[in-house]
Amino acid sequence: MTVATPVSDLSYEQARDELIQVVSELEQGSATLEQSLALWERGEALAARCEEWLLGAKARLDAARTAASDQ
């Protein structure tokens, strides 16, 4: 397994794409138990990163709507 970029450094698109890859690898079922656990942990972190990005985007949209309605 290669050295992975820290999840906190990934954009939404990078995290989403890597999460898709992780799920695909897990679905193949060819990894060892140890590799599967590492993939699962990475996948959980990637999913959390995606959610973080989406919540941030929602907050920005809500703020923009509020500012627009105040004008």
PDB file of N, CA and C in Angstrom:
ATOM      1  N   MET A   1       0.845  -1.174   0.000  1.00  0.00           N
ATOM      2  CA  MET A   1       0.000   0.000   0.000  1.00  0.00           C
ATOM      3  C   MET A   1       0.894   1.241   0.000  1.00  0.00           C
ATOM      4  N   THR A   2       0.589   2.203  -0.865  1.00  0.00           N
ATOM      5  CA  THR A   2       1.401   3.402  -0.977  1.00  0.00           C
ATOM      6  C   THR A   2       1.065   4.382   0.135  1.00  0.00           C
ATOM      7  N   VAL A   3       1.953   5.338   0.328  1.00  0.00           N
ATOM      8  CA  VAL A   3       1.700   6.362   1.331  1.00  0.00           C
ATOM      9  C   VAL A   3       0.572   7.246   0.809  1.00  0.00           C
ATOM     10  N   ALA A   4      -0.468   7.353   1.579  1.00  0.00           N
ATOM     11  CA  ALA A   4      -1.644   8.095   1.149  1.00  0.00           C
ATOM     12  C   ALA A   4      -1.562   9.554   1.606  1.00  0.00           C
ATOM     13  N   THR A   5      -2.167  10.417   0.814  1.00  0.00           N
ATOM     14  CA  THR A   5      -2.278  11.822   1.181  1.00  0.00           C
ATOM     15  C   THR A   5      -3.159  11.919   2.424  1.00  0.00           C
ATOM     16  N   PRO A   6      -2.784  12.759   3.380  1.00  0.00           N
ATOM     17  CA  PRO A   6      -3.657  12.922   4.555  1.00  0.00           C
ATOM     18  C   PRO A   6      -5.066  13.335   4.114  1.00  0.00           C
ATOM     19  N   VAL A   7      -6.060  12.724   4.702  1.00  0.00           N
ATOM     20  CA  VAL A   7      -7.445  12.987   4.322  1.00  0.00           C
ATOM     21  C   VAL A   7      -7.780  14.467   4.463  1.00  0.00           C
ATOM     22  N   SER A   8      -7.232  15.102   5.486  1.00  0.00           N
ATOM     23  CA  SER A   8      -7.531  16.524   5.726  1.00  0.00           C
ATOM     24  C   SER A   8      -7.021  17.430   4.604  1.00  0.00           C
ATOM     25  N   ASP A   9      -6.126  16.932   3.763  1.00  0.00           N
ATOM     26  CA  ASP A   9      -5.586  17.727   2.654  1.00  0.00           C
ATOM     27  C   ASP A   9      -6.363  17.535   1.353  1.00  0.00           C
ATOM     28  N   LEU A  10      -7.351  16.646   1.350  1.00  0.00           N
ATOM     29  CA  LEU A  10      -8.049  16.314   0.121  1.00  0.00           C
ATOM     30  C   LEU A  10      -9.227  17.246  -0.152  1.00  0.00           C
ATOM     31  N   SER A  11      -9.412  17.566  -1.429  1.00  0.00           N
ATOM     32  CA  SER A  11     -10.612  18.290  -1.834  1.00  0.00           C
ATOM     33  C   SER A  11     -11.787  17.319  -1.787  1.00  0.00           C
ATOM     34  N   TYR A  12     -12.986  17.845  -1.940  1.00  0.00           N
ATOM     35  CA  TYR A  12     -14.165  16.983  -1.958  1.00  0.00           C
ATOM     36  C   TYR A  12     -14.050  15.952  -3.074  1.00  0.00           C
ATOM     37  N   GLU A  13     -13.677  16.410  -4.255  1.00  0.00           N
ATOM     38  CA  GLU A  13     -13.603  15.517  -5.407  1.00  0.00           C
ATOM     39  C   GLU A  13     -12.553  14.435  -5.226  1.00  0.00           C
ATOM     40  N   GLN A  14     -11.416  14.803  -4.662  1.00  0.00           N
ATOM     41  CA  GLN A  14     -10.359  13.821  -4.419  1.00  0.00           C
ATOM     42  C   GLN A  14     -10.817  12.775  -3.405  1.00  0.00           C
ATOM     43  N   ALA A  15     -11.446  13.233  -2.325  1.00  0.00           N
ATOM     44  CA  ALA A  15     -11.927  12.314  -1.290  1.00  0.00           C
ATOM     45  C   ALA A  15     -13.012  11.400  -1.854  1.00  0.00           C
ATOM     46  N   ARG A  16     -13.929  11.961  -2.630  1.00  0.00           N
ATOM     47  CA  ARG A  16     -15.008  11.163  -3.221  1.00  0.00           C
ATOM     48  C   ARG A  16     -14.456  10.105  -4.164  1.00  0.00           C
ATOM     49  N   ASP A  17     -13.524  10.503  -5.022  1.00  0.00           N
ATOM     50  CA  ASP A  17     -12.949   9.559  -5.982  1.00  0.00           C
ATOM     51  C   ASP A  17     -12.184   8.441  -5.289  1.00  0.00           C
ATOM     52  N   GLU A  18     -11.423   8.790  -4.253  1.00  0.00           N
ATOM     53  CA  GLU A  18     -10.684   7.763  -3.523  1.00  0.00           C
ATOM     54  C   GLU A  18     -11.640   6.851  -2.758  1.00  0.00           C
ATOM     55  N   LEU A  19     -12.720   7.419  -2.226  1.00  0.00           N
ATOM     56  CA  LEU A  19     -13.711   6.610  -1.525  1.00  0.00           C
ATOM     57  C   LEU A  19     -14.337   5.585  -2.475  1.00  0.00           C
ATOM     58  N   ILE A  20     -14.627   5.995  -3.684  1.00  0.00           N
ATOM     59  CA  ILE A  20     -15.159   5.070  -4.687  1.00  0.00           C
ATOM     60  C   ILE A  20     -14.168   3.938  -4.935  1.00  0.00           C
ATOM     61  N   GLN A  21     -12.887   4.278  -5.016  1.00  0.00           N
ATOM     62  CA  GLN A  21     -11.844   3.274  -5.239  1.00  0.00           C
ATOM     63  C   GLN A  21     -11.751   2.310  -4.052  1.00  0.00           C
ATOM     64  N   VAL A  22     -11.822   2.846  -2.837  1.00  0.00           N
ATOM     65  CA  VAL A  22     -11.743   2.017  -1.634  1.00  0.00           C
ATOM     66  C   VAL A  22     -12.915   1.036  -1.591  1.00  0.00           C
ATOM     67  N   VAL A  23     -14.108   1.528  -1.864  1.00  0.00           N
ATOM     68  CA  VAL A  23     -15.293   0.657  -1.860  1.00  0.00           C
ATOM     69  C   VAL A  23     -15.131  -0.445  -2.899  1.00  0.00           C
ATOM     70  N   SER A  24     -14.634  -0.089  -4.071  1.00  0.00           N
ATOM     71  CA  SER A  24     -14.425  -1.077  -5.132  1.00  0.00           C
ATOM     72  C   SER A  24     -13.441  -2.155  -4.687  1.00  0.00           C
ATOM     73  N   GLU A  25     -12.349  -1.743  -4.063  1.00  0.00           N
ATOM     74  CA  GLU A  25     -11.356  -2.713  -3.591  1.00  0.00           C
ATOM     75  C   GLU A  25     -11.935  -3.630  -2.522  1.00  0.00           C
ATOM     76  N   LEU A  26     -12.743  -3.062  -1.621  1.00  0.00           N
ATOM     77  CA  LEU A  26     -13.363  -3.877  -0.581  1.00  0.00           C
ATOM     78  C   LEU A  26     -14.366  -4.860  -1.177  1.00  0.00           C
ATOM     79  N   GLU A  27     -15.106  -4.430  -2.175  1.00  0.00           N
ATOM     80  CA  GLU A  27     -16.094  -5.297  -2.809  1.00  0.00           C
ATOM     81  C   GLU A  27     -15.455  -6.464  -3.554  1.00  0.00           C
ATOM     82  N   GLN A  28     -14.226  -6.268  -4.045  1.00  0.00           N
ATOM     83  CA  GLN A  28     -13.533  -7.348  -4.748  1.00  0.00           C
ATOM     84  C   GLN A  28     -13.219  -8.502  -3.807  1.00  0.00           C
ATOM     85  N   GLY A  29     -13.000  -8.184  -2.537  1.00  0.00           N
ATOM     86  CA  GLY A  29     -12.764  -9.215  -1.542  1.00  0.00           C
ATOM     87  C   GLY A  29     -11.431  -9.923  -1.635  1.00  0.00           C
ATOM     88  N   SER A  30     -10.487  -9.350  -2.361  1.00  0.00           N
ATOM     89  CA  SER A  30      -9.201 -10.030  -2.526  1.00  0.00           C
ATOM     90  C   SER A  30      -8.134  -9.566  -1.527  1.00  0.00           C
ATOM     91  N   ALA A  31      -8.469  -8.563  -0.724  1.00  0.00           N
ATOM     92  CA  ALA A  31      -7.501  -8.042   0.243  1.00  0.00           C
ATOM     93  C   ALA A  31      -7.445  -8.949   1.475  1.00  0.00           C
ATOM     94  N   THR A  32      -6.305  -8.928   2.146  1.00  0.00           N
ATOM     95  CA  THR A  32      -6.185  -9.651   3.405  1.00  0.00           C
ATOM     96  C   THR A  32      -7.041  -8.945   4.456  1.00  0.00           C
ATOM     97  N   LEU A  33      -7.217  -9.586   5.588  1.00  0.00           N
ATOM     98  CA  LEU A  33      -7.990  -8.978   6.664  1.00  0.00           C
ATOM     99  C   LEU A  33      -7.364  -7.654   7.090  1.00  0.00           C
ATOM    100  N   GLU A  34      -6.058  -7.652   7.247  1.00  0.00           N
ATOM    101  CA  GLU A  34      -5.361  -6.431   7.664  1.00  0.00           C
ATOM    102  C   GLU A  34      -5.535  -5.323   6.629  1.00  0.00           C
ATOM    103  N   GLN A  35      -5.400  -5.673   5.353  1.00  0.00           N
ATOM    104  CA  GLN A  35      -5.587  -4.682   4.287  1.00  0.00           C
ATOM    105  C   GLN A  35      -7.034  -4.183   4.262  1.00  0.00           C
ATOM    106  N   SER A  36      -7.971  -5.091   4.461  1.00  0.00           N
ATOM    107  CA  SER A  36      -9.387  -4.716   4.468  1.00  0.00           C
ATOM    108  C   SER A  36      -9.697  -3.743   5.602  1.00  0.00           C
ATOM    109  N   LEU A  37      -9.116  -3.999   6.769  1.00  0.00           N
ATOM    110  CA  LEU A  37      -9.322  -3.091   7.896  1.00  0.00           C
ATOM    111  C   LEU A  37      -8.742  -1.712   7.609  1.00  0.00           C
ATOM    112  N   ALA A  38      -7.564  -1.676   7.016  1.00  0.00           N
ATOM    113  CA  ALA A  38      -6.944  -0.397   6.661  1.00  0.00           C
ATOM    114  C   ALA A  38      -7.791   0.344   5.628  1.00  0.00           C
ATOM    115  N   LEU A  39      -8.293  -0.397   4.642  1.00  0.00           N
ATOM    116  CA  LEU A  39      -9.160   0.219   3.631  1.00  0.00           C
ATOM    117  C   LEU A  39     -10.436   0.753   4.272  1.00  0.00           C
ATOM    118  N   TRP A  40     -11.027  -0.033   5.177  1.00  0.00           N
ATOM    119  CA  TRP A  40     -12.250   0.381   5.854  1.00  0.00           C
ATOM    120  C   TRP A  40     -12.012   1.672   6.635  1.00  0.00           C
ATOM    121  N   GLU A  41     -10.912   1.722   7.379  1.00  0.00           N
ATOM    122  CA  GLU A  41     -10.602   2.918   8.170  1.00  0.00           C
ATOM    123  C   GLU A  41     -10.386   4.123   7.266  1.00  0.00           C
ATOM    124  N   ARG A  42      -9.684   3.927   6.164  1.00  0.00           N
ATOM    125  CA  ARG A  42      -9.461   5.012   5.205  1.00  0.00           C
ATOM    126  C   ARG A  42     -10.802   5.455   4.608  1.00  0.00           C
ATOM    127  N   GLY A  43     -11.638   4.491   4.289  1.00  0.00           N
ATOM    128  CA  GLY A  43     -12.948   4.812   3.734  1.00  0.00           C
ATOM    129  C   GLY A  43     -13.799   5.621   4.698  1.00  0.00           C
ATOM    130  N   GLU A  44     -13.778   5.260   5.966  1.00  0.00           N
ATOM    131  CA  GLU A  44     -14.525   6.012   6.975  1.00  0.00           C
ATOM    132  C   GLU A  44     -14.018   7.457   7.052  1.00  0.00           C
ATOM    133  N   ALA A  45     -12.704   7.624   7.029  1.00  0.00           N
ATOM    134  CA  ALA A  45     -12.126   8.969   7.082  1.00  0.00           C
ATOM    135  C   ALA A  45     -12.478   9.759   5.826  1.00  0.00           C
ATOM    136  N   LEU A  46     -12.473   9.100   4.676  1.00  0.00           N
ATOM    137  CA  LEU A  46     -12.819   9.771   3.423  1.00  0.00           C
ATOM    138  C   LEU A  46     -14.282  10.193   3.415  1.00  0.00           C
ATOM    139  N   ALA A  47     -15.155   9.326   3.908  1.00  0.00           N
ATOM    140  CA  ALA A  47     -16.581   9.654   3.979  1.00  0.00           C
ATOM    141  C   ALA A  47     -16.808  10.855   4.900  1.00  0.00           C
ATOM    142  N   ALA A  48     -16.095  10.886   6.013  1.00  0.00           N
ATOM    143  CA  ALA A  48     -16.207  12.015   6.938  1.00  0.00           C
ATOM    144  C   ALA A  48     -15.716  13.295   6.287  1.00  0.00           C
ATOM    145  N   ARG A  49     -14.649  13.201   5.500  1.00  0.00           N
ATOM    146  CA  ARG A  49     -14.119  14.380   4.795  1.00  0.00           C
ATOM    147  C   ARG A  49     -15.136  14.898   3.776  1.00  0.00           C
ATOM    148  N   CYS A  50     -15.762  13.998   3.051  1.00  0.00           N
ATOM    149  CA  CYS A  50     -16.789  14.405   2.092  1.00  0.00           C
ATOM    150  C   CYS A  50     -17.935  15.107   2.808  1.00  0.00           C
ATOM    151  N   GLU A  51     -18.366  14.523   3.922  1.00  0.00           N
ATOM    152  CA  GLU A  51     -19.454  15.136   4.686  1.00  0.00           C
ATOM    153  C   GLU A  51     -19.054  16.519   5.193  1.00  0.00           C
ATOM    154  N   GLU A  52     -17.810  16.652   5.633  1.00  0.00           N
ATOM    155  CA  GLU A  52     -17.306  17.944   6.101  1.00  0.00           C
ATOM    156  C   GLU A  52     -17.398  18.986   4.992  1.00  0.00           C
ATOM    157  N   TRP A  53     -16.962  18.612   3.791  1.00  0.00           N
ATOM    158  CA  TRP A  53     -17.027  19.523   2.647  1.00  0.00           C
ATOM    159  C   TRP A  53     -18.469  19.889   2.332  1.00  0.00           C
ATOM    160  N   LEU A  54     -19.366  18.901   2.328  1.00  0.00           N
ATOM    161  CA  LEU A  54     -20.761  19.159   1.991  1.00  0.00           C
ATOM    162  C   LEU A  54     -21.440  20.045   3.032  1.00  0.00           C
ATOM    163  N   LEU A  55     -21.152  19.820   4.305  1.00  0.00           N
ATOM    164  CA  LEU A  55     -21.721  20.666   5.353  1.00  0.00           C
ATOM    165  C   LEU A  55     -21.207  22.098   5.243  1.00  0.00           C
ATOM    166  N   GLY A  56     -19.937  22.239   4.891  1.00  0.00           N
ATOM    167  CA  GLY A  56     -19.367  23.570   4.686  1.00  0.00           C
ATOM    168  C   GLY A  56     -20.021  24.284   3.512  1.00  0.00           C
ATOM    169  N   ALA A  57     -20.267  23.546   2.440  1.00  0.00           N
ATOM    170  CA  ALA A  57     -20.924  24.129   1.273  1.00  0.00           C
ATOM    171  C   ALA A  57     -22.348  24.550   1.622  1.00  0.00           C
ATOM    172  N   LYS A  58     -23.051  23.715   2.376  1.00  0.00           N
ATOM    173  CA  LYS A  58     -24.418  24.055   2.786  1.00  0.00           C
ATOM    174  C   LYS A  58     -24.425  25.310   3.651  1.00  0.00           C
ATOM    175  N   ALA A  59     -23.479  25.413   4.564  1.00  0.00           N
ATOM    176  CA  ALA A  59     -23.400  26.597   5.423  1.00  0.00           C
ATOM    177  C   ALA A  59     -23.152  27.852   4.593  1.00  0.00           C
ATOM    178  N   ARG A  60     -22.299  27.746   3.582  1.00  0.00           N
ATOM    179  CA  ARG A  60     -22.024  28.898   2.716  1.00  0.00           C
ATOM    180  C   ARG A  60     -23.265  29.296   1.921  1.00  0.00           C
ATOM    181  N   LEU A  61     -23.998  28.301   1.426  1.00  0.00           N
ATOM    182  CA  LEU A  61     -25.229  28.591   0.689  1.00  0.00           C
ATOM    183  C   LEU A  61     -26.276  29.234   1.602  1.00  0.00           C
ATOM    184  N   ASP A  62     -26.415  28.697   2.806  1.00  0.00           N
ATOM    185  CA  ASP A  62     -27.361  29.268   3.763  1.00  0.00           C
ATOM    186  C   ASP A  62     -27.003  30.715   4.087  1.00  0.00           C
ATOM    187  N   ALA A  63     -25.716  30.999   4.267  1.00  0.00           N
ATOM    188  CA  ALA A  63     -25.263  32.351   4.562  1.00  0.00           C
ATOM    189  C   ALA A  63     -25.546  33.294   3.387  1.00  0.00           C
ATOM    190  N   ALA A  64     -25.329  32.789   2.170  1.00  0.00           N
ATOM    191  CA  ALA A  64     -25.590  33.601   0.985  1.00  0.00           C
ATOM    192  C   ALA A  64     -27.083  33.890   0.842  1.00  0.00           C
ATOM    193  N   ARG A  65     -27.921  32.893   1.117  1.00  0.00           N
ATOM    194  CA  ARG A  65     -29.374  33.101   1.048  1.00  0.00           C
ATOM    195  C   ARG A  65     -29.822  34.114   2.089  1.00  0.00           C
ATOM    196  N   THR A  66     -29.284  34.017   3.294  1.00  0.00           N
ATOM    197  CA  THR A  66     -29.634  34.934   4.354  1.00  0.00           C
ATOM    198  C   THR A  66     -29.224  36.351   3.980  1.00  0.00           C
ATOM    199  N   ALA A  67     -28.012  36.494   3.439  1.00  0.00           N
ATOM    200  CA  ALA A  67     -27.533  37.821   3.038  1.00  0.00           C
ATOM    201  C   ALA A  67     -28.392  38.388   1.912  1.00  0.00           C
ATOM    202  N   ALA A  68     -28.795  37.537   0.978  1.00  0.00           N
ATOM    203  CA  ALA A  68     -29.621  37.989  -0.150  1.00  0.00           C
ATOM    204  C   ALA A  68     -31.010  38.400   0.329  1.00  0.00           C
ATOM    205  N   SER A  69     -31.564  37.680   1.299  1.00  0.00           N
ATOM    206  CA  SER A  69     -32.904  38.017   1.787  1.00  0.00           C
ATOM    207  C   SER A  69     -32.901  39.253   2.663  1.00  0.00           C
ATOM    208  N   ASP A  70     -31.742  39.601   3.241  1.00  0.00           N
ATOM    209  CA  ASP A  70     -31.615  40.791   4.075  1.00  0.00           C
ATOM    210  C   ASP A  70     -31.518  42.063   3.246  1.00  0.00           C
ATOM    211  N   GLN A  71     -31.250  41.925   1.978  1.00  0.00           N
ATOM    212  CA  GLN A  71     -31.067  43.119   1.131  1.00  0.00           C
ATOM    213  C   GLN A  71     -32.348  43.639   0.603  1.00  0.00           C
TER     214      GLN A  71
END
